Amino acid sequence: MLCTRLTNARFLTMDPDHPVAHDLGIWRGRIVGLDEAVTSLPAREVIDLQGATVLPGFIDAHVHLAWTGLKADTVSIAGRTRIEDVLAVVAHAADRAGPPGGWLSIAGYDQRALGRHLTAAELDTVSAGRKVFLLHDSGHGCVVNSAVLDLLPTGIPHENGFLAEGAMGAARALRLPYSQRELAEAIERAARTALSEGVTACAEAGIGGALFGHSPVELGAYQLAREEGMLPLRVQLMVAADRLGPVAAHRDDGIPRALDLGLRTGFGDDRLSVGALKVYTDGGMMARTAALSRPYEGLDHAGQLQDDPGVLADTIVAGHLAGWQLAVHAIGDRAADLALDALERAQRLEPRPGARHRIEHAGLIRPDQLPRFARLGVSAVVQPSFLRHFGDDYAAVMGAERAPWLYRGRAFLDHGIPLVGSSDRPVTDGSPLRAVQFMVERTSGSGQVIGPDEGVTVDEALRAYTVAGAFACHWEDTLGSLTPGKAADLVVLGDDPRRVDPSRIGDIEVVATYVDGGETGSNRSLPDWT
């Protein structure tokens, strides 16, 4: 007997051996059969989906759940375009922030909307004796007031209160870490939003580090969320590479640096596990810190690497030798050169063909770099929604020659490079369906088509958020397709993405989401689509 049979639906399985089905059977959280294999079997529950379209649950291969949840609960200046309006929000928040001397966090900062960066002196006029920290929307910079600058170690670089990359990390280190309870609650808020958008599994892109970490015991917050029923989807945790330390392991192991006890990729279970080692090589395009091989258009600099190139390369190699899958943050093409060089060196020292190393973002990839991706078997984990929300700006600062290389799609696939979809939430919109639309259209918010030759088909875009996401996270045996034996993670949609005009894909409603065969999110009652 089945636990559940879902019937009267269009199941787009993403499995070439059985691409479309109409019935699906579930037993103990697993898919046990399709169509005639289950149609005549008795079931405890039969759910008529009334002609709905069903896909495997979406996999978001690069998110920041804790940051997303915290940001949602933080005063924001997003949408303000005048300096005086921003300062008014900060002043109002400072007046309500408790006793002087404490910290005041503000979200939604983006200098592009204001035409320039705020300054520490301007924040001083409204800080009311508090330490003010405005986090850049990219996560790669912040603006602080003089009360914070006065506490920083000597030699920390800043420009009138703007701190980028490692300098921002130094400011964050001055603050008391978030508690595990605070983080667990933030994780739950973000996870339930993702679930409502059809995401059933995701990879948290860096815990415990100086740049994006929120606590040195951050992994425990995810365990707490799991234990108390606050983690409604599957999460794989990337560990920040700065958590590695020297180890006196046996020389035959060849492990120069590791986490305590030698923990590495794969530890955990199908609901919460340790994934890749996250290595940051550069910054972001929004903050103009992504490392390019030649300057940004209209600027006199080409971004920056996070550290000395040799140090970064050695970190990548050490992670590989310690048995980790690597997720190398490389947005600019100069950063991608460094990542590819280091990964090639690592594989030469210790060949691991099944490591499935990843380059996160791959924001600007030159034509000559594509064959190297393919030869090394590296996945490209991209964020299509960046084109929609930031495409006009990115195209302008890249110039006519480089703009078509932004967040590629077709070129990766044509070179046999796994194309993996993700959101980088909360940097921008987290909806997989809207991202699928942008992968196909490559249209910015103003209607500008950026790199039209890089567009992919709807099927290829859906694959990036299902099959390819599972492959990138080593989940292909249990997730990514509606195949007998795999987990019954699925998303019920109000229409078929392959049958509507591409411009409508992002507006398709996510009606319900199932994890392990249980309905964990439902947005409305199923209508009669027949």
Protein backbone atom coordinates (compact mmCIF):
# COMPACT_ATOMS: atom_id res chain seq x y z
CA MET A 1 0.00 0.00 0.00
CA LEU A 2 1.19 3.53 -0.81
CA CYS A 3 1.20 6.34 1.72
CA THR A 4 0.11 8.84 -0.92
CA ARG A 5 -0.73 8.86 -4.60
CA LEU A 6 -0.71 12.18 -6.40
CA THR A 7 -2.91 11.99 -9.47
CA ASN A 8 -4.32 14.03 -12.33
CA ALA A 9 -1.23 16.21 -12.78
CA ARG A 10 1.46 16.93 -15.34
CA PHE A 11 4.65 15.75 -13.64
CA LEU A 12 7.70 17.18 -15.40
CA THR A 13 10.12 14.68 -13.91
CA MET A 14 13.45 15.98 -15.34
CA ASP A 15 14.24 12.29 -15.85
CA PRO A 16 14.89 11.48 -19.53
CA ASP A 17 13.75 7.87 -19.01
CA HIS A 18 10.24 9.02 -18.07
CA PRO A 19 10.00 12.76 -18.82
CA VAL A 20 6.27 13.28 -18.19
CA ALA A 21 3.95 11.43 -15.86
CA HIS A 22 0.36 11.76 -14.62
CA ASP A 23 0.47 9.75 -11.37
CA LEU A 24 3.15 9.55 -8.69
CA GLY A 25 3.29 7.23 -5.68
CA ILE A 26 4.94 8.03 -2.35
CA TRP A 27 5.94 5.65 0.44
CA ARG A 28 7.82 6.79 3.55
CA GLY A 29 8.99 10.02 1.95
CA ARG A 30 10.26 8.40 -1.24
CA ILE A 31 8.94 8.21 -4.78
CA VAL A 32 8.10 4.57 -5.44
CA GLY A 33 6.69 4.70 -8.95
CA LEU A 34 5.04 6.63 -11.75
CA ASP A 35 1.90 6.11 -13.83
CA GLU A 36 0.92 2.46 -14.35
CA ALA A 37 3.40 1.30 -11.70
CA VAL A 38 1.25 2.96 -9.01
CA THR A 39 -2.14 3.78 -10.57
CA SER A 40 -3.80 0.54 -9.48
CA LEU A 41 -2.16 0.30 -6.06
CA PRO A 42 -4.20 1.10 -2.93
CA ALA A 43 -3.16 4.26 -1.10
CA ARG A 44 -3.96 5.72 2.31
CA GLU A 45 -4.41 9.11 0.65
CA VAL A 46 -5.15 10.04 -2.94
CA ILE A 47 -4.68 13.70 -3.84
CA ASP A 48 -6.25 14.96 -7.04
CA LEU A 49 -4.05 17.82 -8.28
CA GLN A 50 -6.69 18.83 -10.84
CA GLY A 51 -4.36 19.21 -13.80
CA ALA A 52 -1.56 21.08 -12.02
CA THR A 53 2.05 21.07 -13.21
CA VAL A 54 4.51 19.46 -10.80
CA LEU A 55 8.32 19.69 -10.86
CA PRO A 56 11.07 18.39 -8.59
CA GLY A 57 11.56 20.78 -5.68
CA PHE A 58 13.85 23.61 -6.69
CA ILE A 59 17.42 23.54 -5.41
CA ASP A 60 18.98 26.93 -4.66
CA ALA A 61 22.68 26.17 -4.70
CA HIS A 62 23.90 29.45 -3.16
CA VAL A 63 21.97 31.28 -0.43
CA HIS A 64 22.56 33.08 2.86
CA LEU A 65 19.68 32.03 5.09
CA ALA A 66 20.82 33.59 8.36
CA TRP A 67 21.66 36.88 6.67
CA THR A 68 18.30 36.84 4.86
CA GLY A 69 16.37 36.31 8.06
CA LEU A 70 18.33 38.93 9.96
CA LYS A 71 17.97 41.47 7.15
CA ALA A 72 14.20 41.00 7.12
CA ASP A 73 14.13 42.05 10.78
CA THR A 74 16.47 45.07 10.41
CA VAL A 75 15.69 48.73 9.72
CA SER A 76 16.30 49.34 6.03
CA ILE A 77 17.11 52.35 3.85
CA ALA A 78 16.39 50.46 0.61
CA GLY A 79 14.75 52.62 -2.03
CA ARG A 80 16.01 55.95 -0.65
CA THR A 81 17.75 58.05 -3.28
CA ARG A 82 18.62 61.17 -1.27
CA ILE A 83 21.29 61.45 1.40
CA GLU A 84 19.04 63.46 3.68
CA ASP A 85 16.33 60.78 3.54
CA VAL A 86 18.82 58.09 4.51
CA LEU A 87 20.10 60.15 7.40
CA ALA A 88 16.53 60.74 8.58
CA VAL A 89 15.94 56.96 8.75
CA VAL A 90 19.19 56.46 10.67
CA ALA A 91 18.31 59.28 13.08
CA HIS A 92 14.86 57.81 13.73
CA ALA A 93 16.33 54.33 14.33
CA ALA A 94 19.03 55.76 16.62
CA ASP A 95 16.41 57.46 18.76
CA ARG A 96 14.70 54.11 19.31
CA ALA A 97 17.82 51.96 19.69
CA GLY A 98 18.14 51.83 23.46
CA PRO A 99 20.93 53.27 25.59
CA PRO A 100 23.82 55.14 23.92
CA GLY A 101 27.02 53.27 23.25
CA GLY A 102 25.39 50.25 21.64
CA TRP A 103 25.37 49.12 18.03
CA LEU A 104 22.84 50.20 15.42
CA SER A 105 22.53 48.06 12.30
CA ILE A 106 20.92 49.38 9.13
CA ALA A 107 20.22 47.30 6.01
CA GLY A 108 19.60 48.21 2.37
CA TYR A 109 22.66 50.41 1.74
CA ASP A 110 23.68 50.88 -1.92
CA GLN A 111 25.76 53.87 -2.95
CA ARG A 112 24.59 53.62 -6.55
CA ALA A 113 21.10 54.78 -5.58
CA LEU A 114 22.59 57.81 -3.82
CA GLY A 115 25.18 58.74 -6.43
CA ARG A 116 28.05 58.45 -3.91
CA HIS A 117 28.98 56.82 -0.63
CA LEU A 118 27.76 58.18 2.67
CA THR A 119 30.52 59.33 4.99
CA ALA A 120 31.33 58.69 8.62
CA ALA A 121 30.98 62.42 9.32
CA GLU A 122 27.42 62.40 7.97
CA LEU A 123 26.50 59.43 10.12
CA ASP A 124 28.04 61.13 13.14
CA THR A 125 25.40 63.86 12.91
CA VAL A 126 22.55 61.37 13.46
CA SER A 127 24.10 58.50 15.44
CA ALA A 128 23.11 59.80 18.92
CA GLY A 129 26.14 58.23 20.56
CA ARG A 130 25.75 54.82 18.94
CA LYS A 131 28.06 52.71 16.80
CA VAL A 132 26.39 52.77 13.37
CA PHE A 133 26.92 49.99 10.83
CA LEU A 134 25.25 50.24 7.39
CA LEU A 135 25.72 46.96 5.51
CA HIS A 136 26.06 47.20 1.76
CA ASP A 137 23.44 45.15 -0.10
CA SER A 138 26.21 43.14 -1.77
CA GLY A 139 27.55 42.03 1.60
CA HIS A 140 31.01 43.15 0.52
CA GLY A 141 31.19 46.51 2.24
CA CYS A 142 29.71 48.80 4.86
CA VAL A 143 29.67 52.41 6.01
CA VAL A 144 30.32 53.12 9.69
CA ASN A 145 30.51 56.22 11.82
CA SER A 146 33.51 57.58 13.70
CA ALA A 147 32.61 55.65 16.85
CA VAL A 148 33.37 52.46 14.94
CA LEU A 149 36.42 53.80 13.12
CA ASP A 150 37.97 54.77 16.45
CA LEU A 151 37.83 51.13 17.58
CA LEU A 152 39.43 49.59 14.49
CA PRO A 153 43.02 48.37 14.62
CA THR A 154 45.61 50.72 13.19
CA GLY A 155 46.09 50.35 9.46
CA ILE A 156 42.60 49.18 8.53
CA PRO A 157 41.89 50.95 5.21
CA HIS A 158 38.74 52.98 4.71
CA GLU A 159 37.47 55.81 2.59
CA ASN A 160 35.55 58.35 4.68
CA GLY A 161 33.90 55.54 6.62
CA PHE A 162 33.39 53.05 3.78
CA LEU A 163 34.99 49.70 4.57
CA ALA A 164 35.34 47.00 1.91
CA GLU A 165 35.93 43.27 2.19
CA GLY A 166 38.48 42.44 4.91
CA ALA A 167 38.20 45.90 6.42
CA MET A 168 34.47 45.34 6.82
CA GLY A 169 35.27 42.02 8.49
CA ALA A 170 37.41 43.87 11.02
CA ALA A 171 34.45 46.09 11.91
CA ARG A 172 32.14 43.10 12.24
CA ALA A 173 34.65 41.44 14.57
CA LEU A 174 34.16 44.30 17.06
CA ARG A 175 30.60 43.20 17.71
CA LEU A 176 29.27 40.48 19.96
CA PRO A 177 28.26 37.50 17.77
CA TYR A 178 24.58 36.68 17.35
CA SER A 179 23.28 33.96 19.65
CA GLN A 180 22.38 30.57 18.27
CA ARG A 181 18.74 31.22 19.17
CA GLU A 182 18.69 34.50 17.22
CA LEU A 183 20.28 32.80 14.25
CA ALA A 184 17.92 29.81 14.36
CA GLU A 185 14.92 32.13 14.29
CA ALA A 186 16.41 34.08 11.38
CA ILE A 187 17.15 30.85 9.51
CA GLU A 188 13.55 29.72 9.94
CA ARG A 189 12.18 33.04 8.62
CA ALA A 190 14.32 32.78 5.51
CA ALA A 191 13.72 29.07 4.99
CA ARG A 192 9.94 29.47 5.05
CA THR A 193 10.15 32.24 2.45
CA ALA A 194 12.28 30.01 0.24
CA LEU A 195 9.84 27.15 0.72
CA SER A 196 6.94 29.35 -0.40
CA GLU A 197 8.85 29.92 -3.65
CA GLY A 198 9.22 26.20 -4.32
CA VAL A 199 12.71 25.70 -2.88
CA THR A 200 13.08 22.40 -1.04
CA ALA A 201 16.87 22.29 -0.68
CA CYS A 202 19.62 24.88 -0.60
CA ALA A 203 23.31 25.40 0.04
CA GLU A 204 24.16 27.99 2.70
CA ALA A 205 27.12 29.84 1.19
CA GLY A 206 29.54 30.27 4.05
CA ILE A 207 29.22 29.92 7.82
CA GLY A 208 31.61 30.88 10.58
CA GLY A 209 33.89 33.16 8.56
CA ALA A 210 35.00 36.76 9.04
CA LEU A 211 33.21 38.06 5.96
CA PHE A 212 29.74 36.50 6.07
CA GLY A 213 29.71 34.45 9.26
CA HIS A 214 27.55 35.47 12.22
CA SER A 215 29.13 33.41 14.99
CA PRO A 216 32.10 31.08 15.49
CA VAL A 217 29.54 28.46 16.56
CA GLU A 218 27.13 29.15 13.70
CA LEU A 219 26.74 25.51 12.68
CA GLY A 220 25.10 24.91 16.04
CA ALA A 221 22.34 27.37 15.12
CA TYR A 222 21.38 25.13 12.19
CA GLN A 223 21.42 22.10 14.45
CA LEU A 224 19.18 23.95 16.90
CA ALA A 225 16.79 24.89 14.10
CA ARG A 226 16.71 21.26 12.93
CA GLU A 227 16.12 19.89 16.41
CA GLU A 228 13.25 22.26 17.17
CA GLY A 229 11.38 21.87 13.88
CA MET A 230 12.48 25.27 12.57
CA LEU A 231 14.24 23.97 9.45
CA PRO A 232 11.53 23.04 6.92
CA LEU A 233 13.85 22.32 3.99
CA ARG A 234 17.15 20.59 3.32
CA VAL A 235 20.28 22.63 3.96
CA GLN A 236 23.88 21.98 3.04
CA LEU A 237 26.37 24.18 4.86
CA MET A 238 29.45 25.63 3.19
CA VAL A 239 32.19 26.32 5.72
CA ALA A 240 34.27 29.49 5.35
CA ALA A 241 37.88 28.65 4.52
CA ASP A 242 39.24 30.93 7.23
CA ARG A 243 38.03 28.31 9.73
CA LEU A 244 40.78 25.95 8.53
CA GLY A 245 43.79 25.66 10.80
CA PRO A 246 47.16 23.91 10.63
CA VAL A 247 47.04 20.27 11.69
CA ALA A 248 49.75 17.83 12.68
CA ALA A 249 48.24 14.97 10.70
CA HIS A 250 50.16 11.90 9.53
CA ARG A 251 52.37 12.82 6.60
CA ASP A 252 50.74 10.12 4.46
CA ASP A 253 47.42 11.94 4.75
CA GLY A 254 48.89 14.98 3.02
CA ILE A 255 46.58 17.37 4.88
CA PRO A 256 48.26 20.69 5.76
CA ARG A 257 45.13 22.46 7.06
CA ALA A 258 41.73 21.23 8.23
CA LEU A 259 38.77 21.84 10.50
CA ASP A 260 38.91 20.35 13.97
CA LEU A 261 38.68 16.54 13.87
CA GLY A 262 39.20 16.59 10.09
CA LEU A 263 35.56 17.38 9.37
CA ARG A 264 34.93 17.86 5.66
CA THR A 265 32.37 17.74 2.83
CA GLY A 266 29.72 15.03 3.27
CA PHE A 267 29.27 14.96 7.04
CA GLY A 268 25.61 14.93 8.14
CA ASP A 269 22.41 13.48 6.73
CA ASP A 270 19.84 14.19 4.05
CA ARG A 271 18.33 17.16 5.95
CA LEU A 272 21.41 18.95 7.31
CA SER A 273 24.94 18.33 6.14
CA VAL A 274 28.34 19.90 5.57
CA GLY A 275 28.98 20.81 1.96
CA ALA A 276 31.79 22.66 0.24
CA LEU A 277 34.61 24.75 1.65
CA LYS A 278 33.90 28.39 0.74
CA VAL A 279 36.91 30.40 -0.44
CA TYR A 280 36.51 34.11 -1.22
CA THR A 281 38.92 35.39 -3.86
CA ASP A 282 37.37 38.78 -4.66
CA GLY A 283 34.47 41.08 -3.82
CA GLY A 284 31.35 42.11 -5.74
CA MET A 285 30.41 44.22 -8.73
CA MET A 286 27.88 46.30 -6.77
CA ALA A 287 30.63 47.51 -4.45
CA ARG A 288 33.12 47.67 -7.38
CA THR A 289 35.40 45.21 -5.60
CA ALA A 290 35.10 42.25 -8.00
CA ALA A 291 38.63 41.66 -9.35
CA LEU A 292 38.84 42.33 -13.09
CA SER A 293 41.70 41.94 -15.53
CA ARG A 294 41.23 45.56 -16.62
CA PRO A 295 39.49 48.54 -14.97
CA TYR A 296 35.79 49.17 -14.67
CA GLU A 297 34.47 51.52 -17.34
CA GLY A 298 34.75 55.09 -16.11
CA LEU A 299 36.85 54.16 -13.05
CA ASP A 300 40.58 54.03 -12.48
CA HIS A 301 40.69 50.68 -10.71
CA ALA A 302 39.94 47.02 -11.43
CA GLY A 303 38.60 45.85 -8.08
CA GLN A 304 40.55 43.82 -5.58
CA LEU A 305 41.44 40.34 -4.45
CA GLN A 306 40.59 39.36 -0.89
CA ASP A 307 44.22 38.61 -0.03
CA ASP A 308 47.63 38.07 -1.53
CA PRO A 309 47.18 35.84 -4.62
CA GLY A 310 49.62 33.27 -3.28
CA VAL A 311 47.78 33.02 0.04
CA LEU A 312 44.45 32.54 -1.72
CA ALA A 313 45.86 29.90 -4.05
CA ASP A 314 47.46 28.03 -1.15
CA THR A 315 44.11 28.03 0.69
CA ILE A 316 42.36 26.49 -2.31
CA VAL A 317 45.05 23.83 -2.65
CA ALA A 318 44.99 23.06 1.08
CA GLY A 319 41.22 22.59 0.99
CA HIS A 320 41.50 20.21 -1.94
CA LEU A 321 44.23 18.18 -0.22
CA ALA A 322 42.08 17.94 2.91
CA GLY A 323 39.32 16.26 0.90
CA TRP A 324 36.91 19.16 0.56
CA GLN A 325 34.73 20.04 -2.33
CA LEU A 326 35.62 23.67 -3.05
CA ALA A 327 33.18 26.51 -3.70
CA VAL A 328 35.39 29.36 -4.86
CA HIS A 329 33.78 32.79 -4.88
CA ALA A 330 35.10 34.43 -8.07
CA ILE A 331 33.02 37.18 -9.66
CA GLY A 332 35.57 39.03 -11.80
CA ASP A 333 37.64 37.43 -14.55
CA ARG A 334 40.91 38.12 -12.73
CA ALA A 335 39.55 36.24 -9.71
CA ALA A 336 38.43 33.41 -12.00
CA ASP A 337 41.99 33.17 -13.38
CA LEU A 338 43.31 32.77 -9.85
CA ALA A 339 40.67 30.16 -9.00
CA LEU A 340 41.27 28.12 -12.15
CA ASP A 341 45.05 28.23 -11.71
CA ALA A 342 44.78 27.03 -8.11
CA LEU A 343 42.27 24.29 -8.90
CA GLU A 344 44.48 23.04 -11.71
CA ARG A 345 47.48 22.98 -9.37
CA ALA A 346 45.45 21.16 -6.72
CA GLN A 347 44.28 18.46 -9.12
CA ARG A 348 47.82 18.03 -10.37
CA LEU A 349 49.08 17.43 -6.82
CA GLU A 350 46.23 15.11 -5.81
CA PRO A 351 43.90 14.08 -8.66
CA ARG A 352 40.26 13.92 -7.49
CA PRO A 353 38.08 13.74 -10.62
CA GLY A 354 34.93 13.39 -8.53
CA ALA A 355 35.52 16.47 -6.35
CA ARG A 356 33.01 18.60 -8.33
CA HIS A 357 34.63 21.87 -7.43
CA ARG A 358 32.48 24.92 -8.09
CA ILE A 359 33.06 28.54 -8.97
CA GLU A 360 30.44 30.66 -7.25
CA HIS A 361 29.00 33.54 -9.31
CA ALA A 362 31.35 33.32 -12.33
CA GLY A 363 30.09 36.84 -12.99
CA LEU A 364 32.47 37.85 -15.77
CA ILE A 365 34.07 34.99 -17.68
CA ARG A 366 36.18 35.68 -20.77
CA PRO A 367 35.87 33.38 -23.81
CA ASP A 368 39.38 31.99 -23.23
CA GLN A 369 38.45 30.86 -19.72
CA LEU A 370 35.58 28.63 -20.81
CA PRO A 371 37.72 25.68 -22.02
CA ARG A 372 39.57 25.72 -18.70
CA PHE A 373 36.30 25.41 -16.76
CA ALA A 374 35.39 22.41 -18.90
CA ARG A 375 38.78 20.74 -18.67
CA LEU A 376 38.78 21.00 -14.87
CA GLY A 377 35.19 19.77 -14.53
CA VAL A 378 34.21 22.89 -12.58
CA SER A 379 30.54 23.88 -12.20
CA ALA A 380 29.44 27.49 -12.71
CA VAL A 381 26.99 28.51 -9.97
CA VAL A 382 25.33 31.65 -11.33
CA GLN A 383 22.66 34.12 -10.15
CA PRO A 384 20.40 34.97 -13.11
CA SER A 385 18.34 37.49 -11.13
CA PHE A 386 21.41 39.74 -10.95
CA LEU A 387 20.83 40.48 -14.64
CA ARG A 388 17.30 41.60 -13.96
CA HIS A 389 18.02 43.79 -10.95
CA PHE A 390 21.56 45.00 -11.61
CA GLY A 391 22.05 44.30 -15.30
CA ASP A 392 21.90 47.90 -16.51
CA ASP A 393 24.53 48.96 -14.00
CA TYR A 394 26.76 45.94 -14.60
CA ALA A 395 26.61 46.37 -18.37
CA ALA A 396 27.57 50.03 -18.05
CA VAL A 397 30.62 49.38 -15.84
CA MET A 398 31.76 46.46 -18.02
CA GLY A 399 31.40 48.24 -21.37
CA ALA A 400 30.20 46.95 -24.73
CA GLU A 401 32.87 44.26 -25.18
CA ARG A 402 32.57 42.65 -21.75
CA ALA A 403 28.84 43.03 -21.03
CA PRO A 404 27.89 39.90 -23.05
CA TRP A 405 30.17 37.83 -20.80
CA LEU A 406 28.13 38.61 -17.69
CA TYR A 407 26.54 35.64 -15.89
CA ARG A 408 26.74 33.42 -18.93
CA GLY A 409 24.38 30.59 -19.75
CA ARG A 410 24.65 29.23 -23.27
CA ALA A 411 28.46 29.36 -23.43
CA PHE A 412 28.77 27.26 -20.27
CA LEU A 413 26.40 24.61 -21.62
CA ASP A 414 28.00 24.58 -25.07
CA HIS A 415 31.36 23.87 -23.44
CA GLY A 416 29.93 21.05 -21.33
CA ILE A 417 30.20 23.06 -18.09
CA PRO A 418 27.47 22.31 -15.52
CA LEU A 419 25.24 25.40 -15.28
CA VAL A 420 23.80 25.69 -11.77
CA GLY A 421 21.12 28.20 -10.77
CA SER A 422 21.04 30.05 -7.48
CA SER A 423 19.83 33.29 -5.90
CA ASP A 424 22.46 34.56 -3.43
CA ARG A 425 19.48 35.71 -1.37
CA PRO A 426 19.19 38.26 0.23
CA VAL A 427 21.39 40.14 -2.24
CA THR A 428 18.43 40.01 -4.60
CA ASP A 429 15.20 38.18 -5.45
CA GLY A 430 15.18 34.52 -4.45
CA SER A 431 12.39 33.14 -6.68
CA PRO A 432 13.64 30.28 -8.89
CA LEU A 433 10.80 30.82 -11.37
CA ARG A 434 11.74 34.46 -11.89
CA ALA A 435 15.37 33.40 -12.28
CA VAL A 436 14.36 30.81 -14.89
CA GLN A 437 12.62 33.60 -16.83
CA PHE A 438 15.75 35.77 -16.71
CA MET A 439 17.98 32.87 -17.84
CA VAL A 440 15.82 32.59 -20.94
CA GLU A 441 15.23 36.29 -21.62
CA ARG A 442 18.41 37.91 -20.19
CA THR A 443 16.44 41.14 -19.89
CA SER A 444 17.21 43.83 -17.33
CA GLY A 445 14.63 45.85 -15.45
CA SER A 446 14.76 48.56 -18.11
CA GLY A 447 14.22 46.05 -20.92
CA GLN A 448 17.86 45.94 -22.06
CA VAL A 449 18.85 42.48 -23.33
CA ILE A 450 22.30 41.68 -21.99
CA GLY A 451 24.25 39.08 -23.94
CA PRO A 452 21.32 37.70 -25.95
CA ASP A 453 23.48 34.87 -27.28
CA GLU A 454 23.79 33.58 -23.70
CA GLY A 455 20.07 32.80 -23.37
CA VAL A 456 19.09 29.19 -22.68
CA THR A 457 15.89 27.21 -23.21
CA VAL A 458 13.24 26.87 -20.53
CA ASP A 459 14.10 23.19 -20.10
CA GLU A 460 17.79 24.04 -19.64
CA ALA A 461 16.94 26.73 -17.08
CA LEU A 462 14.70 24.35 -15.13
CA ARG A 463 17.49 21.79 -15.19
CA ALA A 464 19.83 24.38 -13.62
CA TYR A 465 17.51 24.55 -10.60
CA THR A 466 16.89 20.82 -10.29
CA VAL A 467 19.23 18.22 -11.82
CA ALA A 468 22.30 20.49 -12.00
CA GLY A 469 21.74 21.83 -8.49
CA ALA A 470 21.58 18.30 -7.15
CA PHE A 471 24.78 17.38 -9.00
CA ALA A 472 26.65 20.43 -7.67
CA CYS A 473 25.70 19.49 -4.09
CA HIS A 474 26.36 15.72 -4.49
CA TRP A 475 22.63 15.13 -4.07
CA GLU A 476 21.95 13.48 -7.43
CA ASP A 477 21.12 10.08 -5.87
CA THR A 478 18.25 11.52 -3.85
CA LEU A 479 17.18 14.86 -5.36
CA GLY A 480 16.83 16.74 -8.64
CA SER A 481 14.32 14.58 -10.52
CA LEU A 482 11.04 12.77 -9.88
CA THR A 483 12.59 9.33 -10.18
CA PRO A 484 11.55 6.20 -8.24
CA GLY A 485 13.83 5.82 -5.23
CA LYS A 486 14.47 9.52 -4.79
CA ALA A 487 13.05 11.79 -2.10
CA ALA A 488 9.49 13.00 -2.70
CA ASP A 489 10.45 16.68 -2.87
CA LEU A 490 8.22 18.49 -5.33
CA VAL A 491 6.65 21.81 -6.18
CA VAL A 492 3.09 22.25 -7.48
CA LEU A 493 2.73 25.12 -9.95
CA GLY A 494 -0.21 27.07 -11.28
CA ASP A 495 0.98 26.66 -14.87
CA ASP A 496 3.56 24.88 -17.00
CA PRO A 497 6.74 26.99 -17.47
CA ARG A 498 7.35 25.29 -20.81
CA ARG A 499 3.93 26.22 -22.21
CA VAL A 500 3.54 29.86 -21.21
CA ASP A 501 5.25 32.82 -22.84
CA PRO A 502 8.70 33.23 -21.22
CA SER A 503 7.71 36.68 -20.00
CA ARG A 504 5.08 35.02 -17.77
CA ILE A 505 7.24 32.34 -16.15
CA GLY A 506 8.17 34.49 -13.18
CA ASP A 507 4.50 35.13 -12.40
CA ILE A 508 3.49 31.46 -12.21
CA GLU A 509 2.12 30.76 -8.77
CA VAL A 510 3.75 28.25 -6.46
CA VAL A 511 0.65 26.49 -5.13
CA ALA A 512 2.26 23.97 -2.77
CA THR A 513 5.64 22.54 -1.82
CA TYR A 514 6.34 19.01 -0.60
CA VAL A 515 9.43 17.79 1.28
CA ASP A 516 9.73 14.05 1.89
CA GLY A 517 6.21 13.64 0.56
CA GLY A 518 4.68 15.96 3.14
CA GLU A 519 3.03 19.23 2.17
CA THR A 520 5.08 21.84 4.02
CA GLY A 521 3.80 24.91 2.25
CA SER A 522 0.49 25.70 0.58
CA ASN A 523 -0.38 29.07 -0.88
CA ARG A 524 -3.99 28.49 -1.85
CA SER A 525 -6.52 25.81 -2.77
CA LEU A 526 -6.04 24.03 -6.05
CA PRO A 527 -8.33 25.38 -8.76
CA ASP A 528 -9.75 23.37 -11.61
CA TRP A 529 -7.13 23.70 -14.36
CA THR A 530 -8.68 21.08 -16.61
